[in-house]
């Protein structure tokens, strides 16, 4: 025990500049300084590891946030696509139903054209026809004006061509309507079937 204490008291000369003397540093002081330096290095290494881990976790967090935002955007886009698809299907079914109603309107119109106005049945058919036309108007359906107008393939379907009459100025003018055409806004539900006069 006494020997160990003697060993601790060994003095090591340390040369310092500007000091004329060689101070003596004890081994214990050196050990304390080394231990302190090692503790500082260990603390710095631990801090560097903690910073690396923090940066890694921050990068991972940002990556997950990006993935979550992308998934959210994809879900929003999917929902919008589904809504557009549903709206398009509804619109397509509405147009199909309206086209079927146009056939009914044609039949009622033919019945009225061939019925006697004094016949009590005429009045019932006329009320039904007017009600159907009113329903079509409420749905935005309008008849395509054709007779006397220039032929337009976007709105008219030519079923026959006849020579132009004397004095006709424009070429390809609609002179008769075989079947009424209807539109809904700027969309053709059914083109008008027409007879077109052509200049020779």
N, C-alpha and C. Protein backbone atom coordinates (compact mmCIF):
# COMPACT_ATOMS: atom_id res chain seq x y z
N UNK A 1 0.82 -1.20 0.00
CA UNK A 1 0.00 0.00 0.00
C UNK A 1 0.86 1.26 0.00
N UNK A 2 1.91 1.21 0.81
CA UNK A 2 2.81 2.34 0.91
C UNK A 2 3.56 2.51 -0.39
N UNK A 3 3.89 1.33 -1.01
CA UNK A 3 4.62 1.36 -2.27
C UNK A 3 3.78 2.03 -3.36
N UNK A 4 2.46 1.71 -3.40
CA UNK A 4 1.56 2.31 -4.39
C UNK A 4 1.49 3.82 -4.23
N UNK A 5 1.42 4.29 -2.99
CA UNK A 5 1.36 5.72 -2.75
C UNK A 5 2.63 6.39 -3.23
N UNK A 6 3.76 5.70 -3.07
CA UNK A 6 5.02 6.26 -3.52
C UNK A 6 5.00 6.39 -5.04
N UNK A 7 4.44 5.36 -5.71
CA UNK A 7 4.40 5.39 -7.17
C UNK A 7 3.55 6.56 -7.66
N UNK A 8 2.47 6.89 -6.99
CA UNK A 8 1.63 8.00 -7.38
C UNK A 8 2.34 9.33 -7.24
N UNK A 9 3.31 9.38 -6.36
CA UNK A 9 3.97 10.65 -6.09
C UNK A 9 5.16 10.88 -7.01
N UNK A 10 5.34 9.99 -8.01
CA UNK A 10 6.45 10.19 -8.95
C UNK A 10 6.21 11.50 -9.67
N UNK A 11 7.24 12.29 -9.79
CA UNK A 11 7.10 13.58 -10.43
C UNK A 11 7.67 13.52 -11.84
N UNK A 12 6.95 14.14 -12.80
CA UNK A 12 7.40 14.16 -14.19
C UNK A 12 7.69 15.61 -14.54
N UNK A 13 8.88 15.87 -14.97
CA UNK A 13 9.18 17.25 -15.33
C UNK A 13 8.49 17.62 -16.65
N UNK A 14 7.87 18.74 -16.69
CA UNK A 14 7.19 19.25 -17.89
C UNK A 14 7.78 20.60 -18.22
N UNK A 15 8.26 20.74 -19.42
CA UNK A 15 8.91 21.99 -19.81
C UNK A 15 7.85 22.94 -20.32
N UNK A 16 7.79 24.13 -19.83
CA UNK A 16 6.87 25.16 -20.29
C UNK A 16 7.66 26.33 -20.82
N UNK A 17 7.21 26.94 -21.87
CA UNK A 17 7.92 28.08 -22.44
C UNK A 17 7.72 29.31 -21.59
N UNK A 18 8.73 30.12 -21.55
CA UNK A 18 8.64 31.39 -20.85
C UNK A 18 8.78 31.25 -19.35
N UNK A 19 8.81 30.07 -18.86
CA UNK A 19 8.91 29.83 -17.43
C UNK A 19 10.34 29.38 -17.18
N UNK A 20 11.06 29.95 -16.50
CA UNK A 20 12.45 29.56 -16.34
C UNK A 20 12.62 28.24 -15.62
N UNK A 21 11.61 27.79 -14.94
CA UNK A 21 11.77 26.59 -14.14
C UNK A 21 11.09 25.41 -14.81
N UNK A 22 11.48 24.22 -14.44
CA UNK A 22 10.83 23.00 -14.90
C UNK A 22 9.84 22.59 -13.83
N UNK A 23 8.55 22.91 -14.02
CA UNK A 23 7.60 22.50 -12.98
C UNK A 23 7.46 20.99 -12.98
N UNK A 24 7.03 20.51 -11.90
CA UNK A 24 6.86 19.07 -11.72
C UNK A 24 5.35 18.78 -11.73
N UNK A 25 4.94 17.80 -12.59
CA UNK A 25 3.54 17.39 -12.65
C UNK A 25 3.47 15.99 -12.11
N UNK A 26 2.50 15.77 -11.27
CA UNK A 26 2.35 14.45 -10.68
C UNK A 26 1.60 13.53 -11.64
N UNK A 27 1.86 12.20 -11.51
CA UNK A 27 1.24 11.20 -12.36
C UNK A 27 -0.28 11.26 -12.22
N UNK A 28 -0.75 11.44 -11.05
CA UNK A 28 -2.20 11.51 -10.81
C UNK A 28 -2.86 12.61 -11.60
N UNK A 29 -2.15 13.75 -11.70
CA UNK A 29 -2.70 14.86 -12.47
C UNK A 29 -2.80 14.50 -13.95
N UNK A 30 -1.75 13.80 -14.45
CA UNK A 30 -1.74 13.39 -15.84
C UNK A 30 -2.89 12.41 -16.10
N UNK A 31 -3.06 11.46 -15.19
CA UNK A 31 -4.15 10.48 -15.34
C UNK A 31 -5.51 11.17 -15.34
N UNK A 32 -5.64 12.15 -14.46
CA UNK A 32 -6.90 12.90 -14.41
C UNK A 32 -7.15 13.65 -15.73
N UNK A 33 -6.07 14.26 -16.24
CA UNK A 33 -6.18 15.00 -17.50
C UNK A 33 -6.53 14.07 -18.65
N UNK A 34 -5.84 12.88 -18.70
CA UNK A 34 -6.12 11.89 -19.74
C UNK A 34 -7.56 11.42 -19.63
N UNK A 35 -8.01 11.12 -18.40
CA UNK A 35 -9.39 10.67 -18.19
C UNK A 35 -10.37 11.75 -18.62
N UNK A 36 -10.05 13.01 -18.31
CA UNK A 36 -10.92 14.12 -18.69
C UNK A 36 -10.97 14.24 -20.21
N UNK A 37 -9.77 14.12 -20.84
CA UNK A 37 -9.72 14.20 -22.31
C UNK A 37 -10.52 13.06 -22.94
N UNK A 38 -10.38 11.85 -22.38
CA UNK A 38 -11.12 10.70 -22.90
C UNK A 38 -12.63 10.90 -22.72
N UNK A 39 -13.01 11.47 -21.59
CA UNK A 39 -14.44 11.74 -21.33
C UNK A 39 -14.97 12.75 -22.33
N UNK A 40 -14.15 13.78 -22.62
CA UNK A 40 -14.58 14.80 -23.60
C UNK A 40 -14.73 14.16 -24.98
N UNK A 41 -13.72 13.31 -25.36
CA UNK A 41 -13.79 12.63 -26.65
C UNK A 41 -15.00 11.72 -26.73
N UNK A 42 -15.24 10.99 -25.62
CA UNK A 42 -16.40 10.09 -25.59
C UNK A 42 -17.69 10.89 -25.72
N UNK A 43 -17.76 12.03 -25.03
CA UNK A 43 -18.96 12.87 -25.10
C UNK A 43 -19.14 13.42 -26.51
N UNK A 44 -18.01 13.84 -27.14
CA UNK A 44 -18.10 14.36 -28.51
C UNK A 44 -18.53 13.26 -29.49
N UNK A 45 -17.98 12.04 -29.28
CA UNK A 45 -18.37 10.92 -30.14
C UNK A 45 -19.85 10.59 -29.95
N UNK A 46 -20.29 10.62 -28.68
CA UNK A 46 -21.70 10.34 -28.40
C UNK A 46 -22.59 11.41 -29.02
N UNK A 47 -22.14 12.67 -28.95
CA UNK A 47 -22.91 13.76 -29.54
C UNK A 47 -22.95 13.62 -31.07
N UNK A 48 -21.82 13.23 -31.68
CA UNK A 48 -21.78 13.04 -33.13
C UNK A 48 -22.72 11.91 -33.53
N UNK A 49 -22.71 10.80 -32.74
CA UNK A 49 -23.62 9.69 -33.03
C UNK A 49 -25.07 10.13 -32.88
N UNK A 50 -25.34 10.92 -31.84
CA UNK A 50 -26.71 11.41 -31.62
C UNK A 50 -27.16 12.30 -32.77
N UNK A 51 -26.22 13.15 -33.27
CA UNK A 51 -26.56 14.02 -34.40
C UNK A 51 -26.80 13.21 -35.67
N UNK A 52 -25.96 12.20 -35.88
CA UNK A 52 -26.16 11.31 -37.04
C UNK A 52 -27.51 10.61 -36.96
N UNK A 53 -27.84 10.12 -35.76
CA UNK A 53 -29.13 9.43 -35.56
C UNK A 53 -30.28 10.40 -35.76
N UNK A 54 -30.12 11.64 -35.26
CA UNK A 54 -31.16 12.64 -35.44
C UNK A 54 -31.36 12.95 -36.93
N UNK A 55 -30.24 13.10 -37.67
CA UNK A 55 -30.33 13.38 -39.12
C UNK A 55 -30.97 12.20 -39.85
N UNK A 56 -30.59 10.97 -39.45
CA UNK A 56 -31.17 9.78 -40.08
C UNK A 56 -32.67 9.73 -39.83
N UNK A 57 -33.06 9.99 -38.58
CA UNK A 57 -34.49 9.96 -38.24
C UNK A 57 -35.26 11.08 -38.95
N UNK A 58 -34.61 12.25 -39.07
CA UNK A 58 -35.26 13.37 -39.78
C UNK A 58 -35.46 13.02 -41.25
N UNK A 59 -34.44 12.38 -41.87
CA UNK A 59 -34.56 11.98 -43.27
C UNK A 59 -35.66 10.93 -43.43
N UNK A 60 -35.70 9.99 -42.49
CA UNK A 60 -36.73 8.94 -42.54
C UNK A 60 -38.12 9.55 -42.36
N UNK A 61 -38.22 10.51 -41.42
CA UNK A 61 -39.50 11.20 -41.20
C UNK A 61 -39.95 11.92 -42.46
N UNK A 62 -38.99 12.64 -43.12
CA UNK A 62 -39.33 13.36 -44.35
C UNK A 62 -39.77 12.41 -45.45
N UNK A 63 -39.09 11.25 -45.53
CA UNK A 63 -39.45 10.25 -46.54
C UNK A 63 -40.87 9.73 -46.30
N UNK A 64 -41.20 9.44 -45.03
CA UNK A 64 -42.55 8.96 -44.72
C UNK A 64 -43.59 10.04 -44.96
N UNK A 65 -43.22 11.29 -44.66
CA UNK A 65 -44.16 12.39 -44.89
C UNK A 65 -44.44 12.52 -46.39
N UNK A 66 -43.38 12.43 -47.21
CA UNK A 66 -43.55 12.49 -48.67
C UNK A 66 -44.44 11.35 -49.16
N UNK A 67 -44.20 10.14 -48.63
CA UNK A 67 -45.02 9.00 -49.03
C UNK A 67 -46.48 9.23 -48.64
N UNK A 68 -46.69 9.75 -47.44
CA UNK A 68 -48.07 10.01 -46.97
C UNK A 68 -48.74 11.06 -47.85
N UNK A 69 -47.99 12.12 -48.20
CA UNK A 69 -48.57 13.17 -49.05
C UNK A 69 -48.89 12.64 -50.45
N UNK A 70 -47.98 11.80 -51.00
CA UNK A 70 -48.23 11.22 -52.31
C UNK A 70 -49.47 10.33 -52.28
N UNK A 71 -49.57 9.51 -51.21
CA UNK A 71 -50.75 8.63 -51.08
C UNK A 71 -52.03 9.45 -50.96
N UNK A 72 -51.95 10.53 -50.20
CA UNK A 72 -53.12 11.39 -50.04
C UNK A 72 -53.51 12.01 -51.38
N UNK A 73 -52.52 12.48 -52.14
CA UNK A 73 -52.80 13.06 -53.46
C UNK A 73 -53.39 12.01 -54.39
N UNK A 74 -52.84 10.78 -54.35
CA UNK A 74 -53.37 9.70 -55.19
C UNK A 74 -54.82 9.39 -54.82
N UNK A 75 -55.13 9.39 -53.53
CA UNK A 75 -56.51 9.13 -53.10
C UNK A 75 -57.46 10.23 -53.57
N UNK A 76 -57.01 11.48 -53.47
CA UNK A 76 -57.84 12.60 -53.93
C UNK A 76 -58.09 12.48 -55.43
N UNK A 77 -57.01 12.18 -56.19
CA UNK A 77 -57.16 12.02 -57.65
C UNK A 77 -58.06 10.84 -57.99
N UNK A 78 -57.92 9.74 -57.25
CA UNK A 78 -58.77 8.57 -57.48
C UNK A 78 -60.23 8.91 -57.22
N UNK A 79 -60.47 9.63 -56.12
CA UNK A 79 -61.85 10.02 -55.79
C UNK A 79 -62.43 10.93 -56.88
N UNK A 80 -61.60 11.87 -57.37
CA UNK A 80 -62.09 12.76 -58.43
C UNK A 80 -62.38 11.98 -59.70
N UNK A 81 -61.49 11.02 -60.05
CA UNK A 81 -61.73 10.20 -61.24
C UNK A 81 -63.03 9.41 -61.10
N UNK A 82 -63.26 8.84 -59.90
CA UNK A 82 -64.47 8.07 -59.67
C UNK A 82 -65.71 8.96 -59.77
N UNK A 83 -65.61 10.18 -59.24
CA UNK A 83 -66.74 11.11 -59.32
C UNK A 83 -67.03 11.48 -60.78
N UNK A 84 -65.95 11.76 -61.56
CA UNK A 84 -66.13 12.08 -62.98
C UNK A 84 -66.74 10.91 -63.72
N UNK A 85 -66.25 9.70 -63.40
CA UNK A 85 -66.77 8.49 -64.05
C UNK A 85 -68.26 8.33 -63.74
N UNK A 86 -68.63 8.54 -62.46
CA UNK A 86 -70.04 8.41 -62.06
C UNK A 86 -70.88 9.48 -62.77
N UNK A 87 -70.37 10.72 -62.82
CA UNK A 87 -71.11 11.80 -63.50
C UNK A 87 -71.29 11.49 -64.99
N UNK A 88 -70.22 10.98 -65.62
CA UNK A 88 -70.31 10.63 -67.05
C UNK A 88 -71.33 9.52 -67.29
N UNK A 89 -71.35 8.54 -66.37
CA UNK A 89 -72.33 7.46 -66.52
C UNK A 89 -73.75 7.97 -66.35
N UNK A 90 -73.95 8.83 -65.37
CA UNK A 90 -75.28 9.40 -65.13
C UNK A 90 -75.72 10.19 -66.37
N UNK A 91 -74.79 11.01 -66.89
CA UNK A 91 -75.10 11.82 -68.07
C UNK A 91 -75.41 10.93 -69.27
N UNK A 92 -74.64 9.86 -69.44
CA UNK A 92 -74.85 8.94 -70.55
C UNK A 92 -76.22 8.27 -70.44
N UNK A 93 -76.58 7.85 -69.23
CA UNK A 93 -77.90 7.21 -69.02
C UNK A 93 -79.03 8.22 -69.24
N UNK A 94 -78.82 9.46 -68.80
CA UNK A 94 -79.84 10.50 -69.01
C UNK A 94 -80.08 10.71 -70.50
N UNK A 95 -78.98 10.79 -71.27
CA UNK A 95 -79.11 11.00 -72.71
C UNK A 95 -79.79 9.80 -73.38
N UNK A 96 -79.47 8.60 -72.93
CA UNK A 96 -80.11 7.40 -73.48
C UNK A 96 -81.62 7.45 -73.24
N UNK A 97 -82.01 7.83 -72.03
CA UNK A 97 -83.43 7.93 -71.69
C UNK A 97 -84.11 9.02 -72.52
N UNK A 98 -83.44 10.16 -72.67
CA UNK A 98 -84.03 11.26 -73.45
C UNK A 98 -84.19 10.87 -74.92
N UNK A 99 -83.21 10.13 -75.46
CA UNK A 99 -83.34 9.67 -76.86
C UNK A 99 -84.56 8.75 -77.01
N UNK A 100 -84.77 7.89 -76.00
CA UNK A 100 -85.94 7.00 -76.04
C UNK A 100 -87.23 7.82 -75.99
N UNK A 101 -87.23 8.91 -75.22
CA UNK A 101 -88.41 9.77 -75.13
C UNK A 101 -88.67 10.48 -76.46
N UNK A 102 -87.61 10.75 -77.22
CA UNK A 102 -87.78 11.39 -78.53
C UNK A 102 -88.57 10.49 -79.47
N UNK A 103 -88.34 9.18 -79.37
CA UNK A 103 -89.11 8.24 -80.20
C UNK A 103 -90.60 8.30 -79.83
N UNK A 104 -90.87 8.43 -78.53
CA UNK A 104 -92.27 8.55 -78.07
C UNK A 104 -92.88 9.84 -78.62
N UNK A 105 -92.09 10.93 -78.57
CA UNK A 105 -92.58 12.21 -79.09
C UNK A 105 -92.89 12.09 -80.58
N UNK A 106 -92.04 11.39 -81.33
CA UNK A 106 -92.28 11.18 -82.77
C UNK A 106 -93.61 10.46 -82.99
N UNK A 107 -93.83 9.40 -82.23
CA UNK A 107 -95.07 8.61 -82.40
C UNK A 107 -96.30 9.43 -82.05
N UNK A 108 -96.22 10.22 -80.98
CA UNK A 108 -97.36 11.06 -80.61
C UNK A 108 -97.62 12.12 -81.68
N UNK A 109 -96.54 12.66 -82.25
CA UNK A 109 -96.68 13.66 -83.32
C UNK A 109 -97.36 13.06 -84.55
N UNK A 110 -96.96 11.82 -84.90
CA UNK A 110 -97.60 11.14 -86.03
C UNK A 110 -99.08 10.87 -85.75
N UNK A 111 -99.38 10.47 -84.51
CA UNK A 111 -100.78 10.21 -84.12
C UNK A 111 -101.61 11.47 -84.26
N UNK A 112 -101.05 12.60 -83.83
CA UNK A 112 -101.78 13.88 -83.92
C UNK A 112 -101.96 14.30 -85.38
N UNK A 113 -100.96 14.05 -86.21
CA UNK A 113 -101.05 14.45 -87.63
C UNK A 113 -102.12 13.65 -88.36
N UNK A 114 -102.38 12.41 -87.91
CA UNK A 114 -103.35 11.55 -88.60
C UNK A 114 -104.70 11.46 -87.90
N UNK A 115 -104.84 12.14 -86.77
CA UNK A 115 -106.10 12.05 -86.01
C UNK A 115 -107.05 13.18 -86.41
N UNK A 116 -108.31 12.94 -86.19
CA UNK A 116 -109.34 13.95 -86.45
C UNK A 116 -109.40 14.86 -85.24
N UNK A 117 -109.35 16.17 -85.46
CA UNK A 117 -109.33 17.12 -84.35
C UNK A 117 -110.62 17.07 -83.52
N UNK A 118 -111.69 16.58 -84.10
CA UNK A 118 -112.96 16.50 -83.37
C UNK A 118 -113.04 15.23 -82.52
N UNK A 119 -112.12 14.33 -82.74
CA UNK A 119 -112.10 13.07 -81.98
C UNK A 119 -111.65 13.37 -80.54
N UNK A 120 -112.42 12.88 -79.54
CA UNK A 120 -112.03 13.14 -78.15
C UNK A 120 -110.64 12.57 -77.81
N UNK A 121 -110.24 11.55 -78.51
CA UNK A 121 -108.92 10.96 -78.27
C UNK A 121 -107.80 11.92 -78.66
N UNK A 122 -108.08 12.78 -79.64
CA UNK A 122 -107.07 13.74 -80.11
C UNK A 122 -106.61 14.63 -78.96
N UNK A 123 -107.61 15.09 -78.19
CA UNK A 123 -107.28 16.01 -77.09
C UNK A 123 -106.39 15.32 -76.06
N UNK A 124 -106.67 14.07 -75.73
CA UNK A 124 -105.84 13.33 -74.77
C UNK A 124 -104.42 13.13 -75.27
N UNK A 125 -104.31 12.79 -76.57
CA UNK A 125 -102.97 12.60 -77.15
C UNK A 125 -102.21 13.93 -77.16
N UNK A 126 -102.94 15.03 -77.47
CA UNK A 126 -102.30 16.36 -77.52
C UNK A 126 -101.79 16.77 -76.14
N UNK A 127 -102.57 16.50 -75.10
CA UNK A 127 -102.15 16.83 -73.73
C UNK A 127 -100.89 16.02 -73.37
N UNK A 128 -100.89 14.74 -73.74
CA UNK A 128 -99.72 13.88 -73.46
C UNK A 128 -98.50 14.39 -74.22
N UNK A 129 -98.69 14.74 -75.48
CA UNK A 129 -97.59 15.23 -76.32
C UNK A 129 -97.02 16.53 -75.75
N UNK A 130 -97.92 17.47 -75.39
CA UNK A 130 -97.47 18.75 -74.83
C UNK A 130 -96.72 18.54 -73.51
N UNK A 131 -97.22 17.59 -72.68
CA UNK A 131 -96.54 17.29 -71.41
C UNK A 131 -95.14 16.73 -71.65
N UNK A 132 -95.01 15.87 -72.65
CA UNK A 132 -93.71 15.29 -72.97
C UNK A 132 -92.75 16.37 -73.47
N UNK A 133 -93.23 17.25 -74.34
CA UNK A 133 -92.38 18.34 -74.84
C UNK A 133 -91.95 19.26 -73.70
N UNK A 134 -92.84 19.50 -72.76
CA UNK A 134 -92.52 20.34 -71.60
C UNK A 134 -91.43 19.67 -70.76
N UNK A 135 -91.56 18.35 -70.56
CA UNK A 135 -90.55 17.60 -69.81
C UNK A 135 -89.18 17.69 -70.50
N UNK A 136 -89.19 17.53 -71.83
CA UNK A 136 -87.94 17.60 -72.60
C UNK A 136 -87.31 19.00 -72.49
N UNK A 137 -88.15 20.04 -72.52
CA UNK A 137 -87.64 21.41 -72.38
C UNK A 137 -86.99 21.60 -71.01
N UNK A 138 -87.64 21.05 -69.97
CA UNK A 138 -87.06 21.17 -68.62
C UNK A 138 -85.71 20.47 -68.52
N UNK A 139 -85.51 19.44 -69.32
CA UNK A 139 -84.23 18.72 -69.33
C UNK A 139 -83.22 19.38 -70.26
N UNK A 140 -83.61 20.52 -70.85
CA UNK A 140 -82.68 21.26 -71.72
C UNK A 140 -82.67 20.78 -73.16
N UNK A 141 -83.67 19.98 -73.54
CA UNK A 141 -83.72 19.44 -74.91
C UNK A 141 -84.47 20.44 -75.79
N UNK A 142 -83.88 20.74 -76.94
CA UNK A 142 -84.49 21.66 -77.90
C UNK A 142 -84.46 21.04 -79.29
N UNK A 143 -85.47 21.37 -80.09
CA UNK A 143 -85.50 20.90 -81.48
C UNK A 143 -84.43 21.64 -82.27
N UNK A 144 -83.80 20.93 -83.20
CA UNK A 144 -82.80 21.55 -84.08
C UNK A 144 -83.53 22.19 -85.25
N UNK A 145 -83.32 23.48 -85.44
CA UNK A 145 -83.95 24.17 -86.57
C UNK A 145 -83.21 23.77 -87.83
N UNK A 146 -83.97 23.36 -88.84
CA UNK A 146 -83.33 22.83 -90.04
C UNK A 146 -83.88 23.43 -91.34
N UNK A 147 -85.19 23.41 -91.49
CA UNK A 147 -85.79 23.79 -92.78
C UNK A 147 -85.44 25.22 -93.16
N UNK A 148 -84.97 25.38 -94.41
CA UNK A 148 -84.61 26.71 -94.92
C UNK A 148 -83.21 27.14 -94.51
N UNK A 149 -82.52 26.35 -93.75
CA UNK A 149 -81.18 26.71 -93.28
C UNK A 149 -80.11 25.98 -94.09
N UNK A 150 -78.89 26.49 -94.10
CA UNK A 150 -77.82 25.78 -94.79
C UNK A 150 -77.57 24.42 -94.12
N UNK A 151 -77.25 23.43 -94.93
CA UNK A 151 -76.98 22.09 -94.40
C UNK A 151 -75.71 22.13 -93.55
N UNK A 152 -75.81 21.57 -92.34
CA UNK A 152 -74.67 21.49 -91.42
C UNK A 152 -74.55 20.04 -90.96
N UNK A 153 -73.48 19.35 -91.36
CA UNK A 153 -73.35 17.93 -90.99
C UNK A 153 -73.23 17.69 -89.49
N UNK A 154 -72.94 18.73 -88.73
CA UNK A 154 -72.88 18.58 -87.26
C UNK A 154 -74.28 18.43 -86.66
N UNK A 155 -75.28 19.02 -87.34
CA UNK A 155 -76.65 19.01 -86.80
C UNK A 155 -77.63 18.23 -87.68
N UNK A 156 -77.30 18.06 -88.93
CA UNK A 156 -78.22 17.45 -89.89
C UNK A 156 -77.64 16.17 -90.48
N UNK A 157 -78.56 15.27 -90.84
CA UNK A 157 -78.19 14.04 -91.54
C UNK A 157 -78.97 14.03 -92.86
N UNK A 158 -78.25 14.14 -93.96
CA UNK A 158 -78.90 14.20 -95.28
C UNK A 158 -79.36 12.81 -95.70
N UNK A 159 -80.66 12.69 -95.99
CA UNK A 159 -81.20 11.40 -96.45
C UNK A 159 -81.48 11.43 -97.95
N UNK A 160 -81.54 12.63 -98.52
CA UNK A 160 -81.76 12.75 -99.96
C UNK A 160 -81.26 14.11 -100.45
N UNK A 161 -80.92 14.17 -101.74
CA UNK A 161 -80.52 15.43 -102.36
C UNK A 161 -81.42 15.69 -103.56
N UNK A 162 -81.83 16.93 -103.70
CA UNK A 162 -82.67 17.31 -104.84
C UNK A 162 -82.05 18.52 -105.52
N UNK A 163 -82.35 18.73 -106.80
CA UNK A 163 -81.80 19.91 -107.48
C UNK A 163 -82.36 21.20 -106.87
N UNK A 164 -81.52 22.20 -106.85
CA UNK A 164 -81.92 23.50 -106.28
C UNK A 164 -83.00 24.14 -107.14
N UNK A 165 -83.90 24.89 -106.46
CA UNK A 165 -84.97 25.57 -107.18
C UNK A 165 -84.44 26.87 -107.77
N UNK A 166 -85.17 27.37 -108.71
CA UNK A 166 -84.84 28.64 -109.36
C UNK A 166 -84.75 29.73 -108.30
N UNK A 167 -83.68 30.52 -108.34
CA UNK A 167 -83.54 31.65 -107.42
C UNK A 167 -82.89 31.28 -106.09
N UNK A 168 -82.57 30.02 -105.88
CA UNK A 168 -81.92 29.64 -104.62
C UNK A 168 -80.49 30.15 -104.63
N UNK A 169 -80.14 30.92 -103.62
CA UNK A 169 -78.82 31.54 -103.58
C UNK A 169 -77.76 30.59 -103.02
N UNK A 170 -78.05 30.02 -101.87
CA UNK A 170 -77.04 29.18 -101.21
C UNK A 170 -77.09 27.76 -101.72
N UNK A 171 -75.91 27.15 -101.77
CA UNK A 171 -75.83 25.74 -102.14
C UNK A 171 -76.08 24.90 -100.89
N UNK A 172 -76.61 23.71 -101.07
CA UNK A 172 -76.89 22.77 -99.98
C UNK A 172 -77.76 23.40 -98.88
N UNK A 173 -78.99 23.66 -99.24
CA UNK A 173 -79.97 24.21 -98.30
C UNK A 173 -80.97 23.12 -97.94
N UNK A 174 -81.37 23.08 -96.69
CA UNK A 174 -82.36 22.08 -96.23
C UNK A 174 -83.73 22.53 -96.73
N UNK A 175 -84.39 21.65 -97.51
CA UNK A 175 -85.71 22.00 -98.06
C UNK A 175 -86.83 21.22 -97.40
N UNK A 176 -86.50 20.12 -96.70
CA UNK A 176 -87.55 19.34 -96.02
C UNK A 176 -86.91 18.57 -94.86
N UNK A 177 -87.73 18.34 -93.84
CA UNK A 177 -87.27 17.59 -92.66
C UNK A 177 -88.04 16.28 -92.61
N UNK A 178 -87.32 15.18 -92.70
CA UNK A 178 -87.94 13.84 -92.63
C UNK A 178 -88.21 13.44 -91.18
N UNK A 179 -87.28 13.80 -90.30
CA UNK A 179 -87.45 13.50 -88.87
C UNK A 179 -86.76 14.61 -88.09
N UNK A 180 -87.46 15.13 -87.09
CA UNK A 180 -86.91 16.23 -86.29
C UNK A 180 -85.63 15.79 -85.58
N UNK A 181 -84.72 16.75 -85.47
CA UNK A 181 -83.51 16.52 -84.69
C UNK A 181 -83.60 17.28 -83.37
N UNK A 182 -82.88 16.81 -82.37
CA UNK A 182 -82.90 17.45 -81.05
C UNK A 182 -81.48 17.58 -80.52
N UNK A 183 -81.29 18.63 -79.74
CA UNK A 183 -80.00 18.84 -79.10
C UNK A 183 -80.20 19.18 -77.63
N UNK A 184 -79.15 18.97 -76.87
CA UNK A 184 -79.16 19.34 -75.44
C UNK A 184 -77.95 20.20 -75.21
N UNK A 185 -78.18 21.50 -75.13
CA UNK A 185 -77.06 22.43 -75.10
C UNK A 185 -76.39 22.41 -76.46
N UNK A 186 -75.08 22.19 -76.47
CA UNK A 186 -74.34 22.12 -77.72
C UNK A 186 -74.11 20.67 -78.17
N UNK A 187 -74.75 19.73 -77.49
CA UNK A 187 -74.57 18.32 -77.83
C UNK A 187 -75.79 17.80 -78.59
N UNK A 188 -75.54 17.12 -79.70
CA UNK A 188 -76.63 16.56 -80.51
C UNK A 188 -77.13 15.28 -79.85
N UNK A 189 -78.43 15.26 -79.54
CA UNK A 189 -79.04 14.02 -79.05
C UNK A 189 -79.41 13.14 -80.24
N UNK A 190 -79.93 13.81 -81.27
CA UNK A 190 -80.32 13.10 -82.48
C UNK A 190 -80.29 14.09 -83.63
N UNK A 191 -79.49 13.81 -84.69
CA UNK A 191 -79.45 14.78 -85.81
C UNK A 191 -80.76 14.77 -86.57
N UNK A 192 -81.08 15.91 -87.16
CA UNK A 192 -82.29 16.02 -87.98
C UNK A 192 -82.05 15.32 -89.31
N UNK A 193 -82.98 14.46 -89.72
CA UNK A 193 -82.89 13.83 -91.05
C UNK A 193 -83.54 14.76 -92.04
N UNK A 194 -82.77 15.18 -93.04
CA UNK A 194 -83.24 16.25 -93.92
C UNK A 194 -83.01 15.91 -95.39
N UNK A 195 -83.78 16.64 -96.22
CA UNK A 195 -83.59 16.60 -97.68
C UNK A 195 -82.88 17.90 -98.04
N UNK A 196 -81.81 17.77 -98.82
CA UNK A 196 -80.96 18.94 -99.14
C UNK A 196 -81.06 19.24 -100.64
N UNK A 197 -81.23 20.53 -100.94
CA UNK A 197 -81.23 20.94 -102.35
C UNK A 197 -79.82 21.39 -102.72
N UNK A 198 -79.38 20.90 -103.86
CA UNK A 198 -78.00 21.18 -104.29
C UNK A 198 -78.02 21.87 -105.65
N UNK A 199 -77.19 22.93 -105.77
CA UNK A 199 -77.09 23.60 -107.07
C UNK A 199 -76.31 22.72 -108.03
N UNK A 200 -76.80 22.64 -109.26
CA UNK A 200 -76.10 21.79 -110.24
C UNK A 200 -75.06 22.57 -110.99
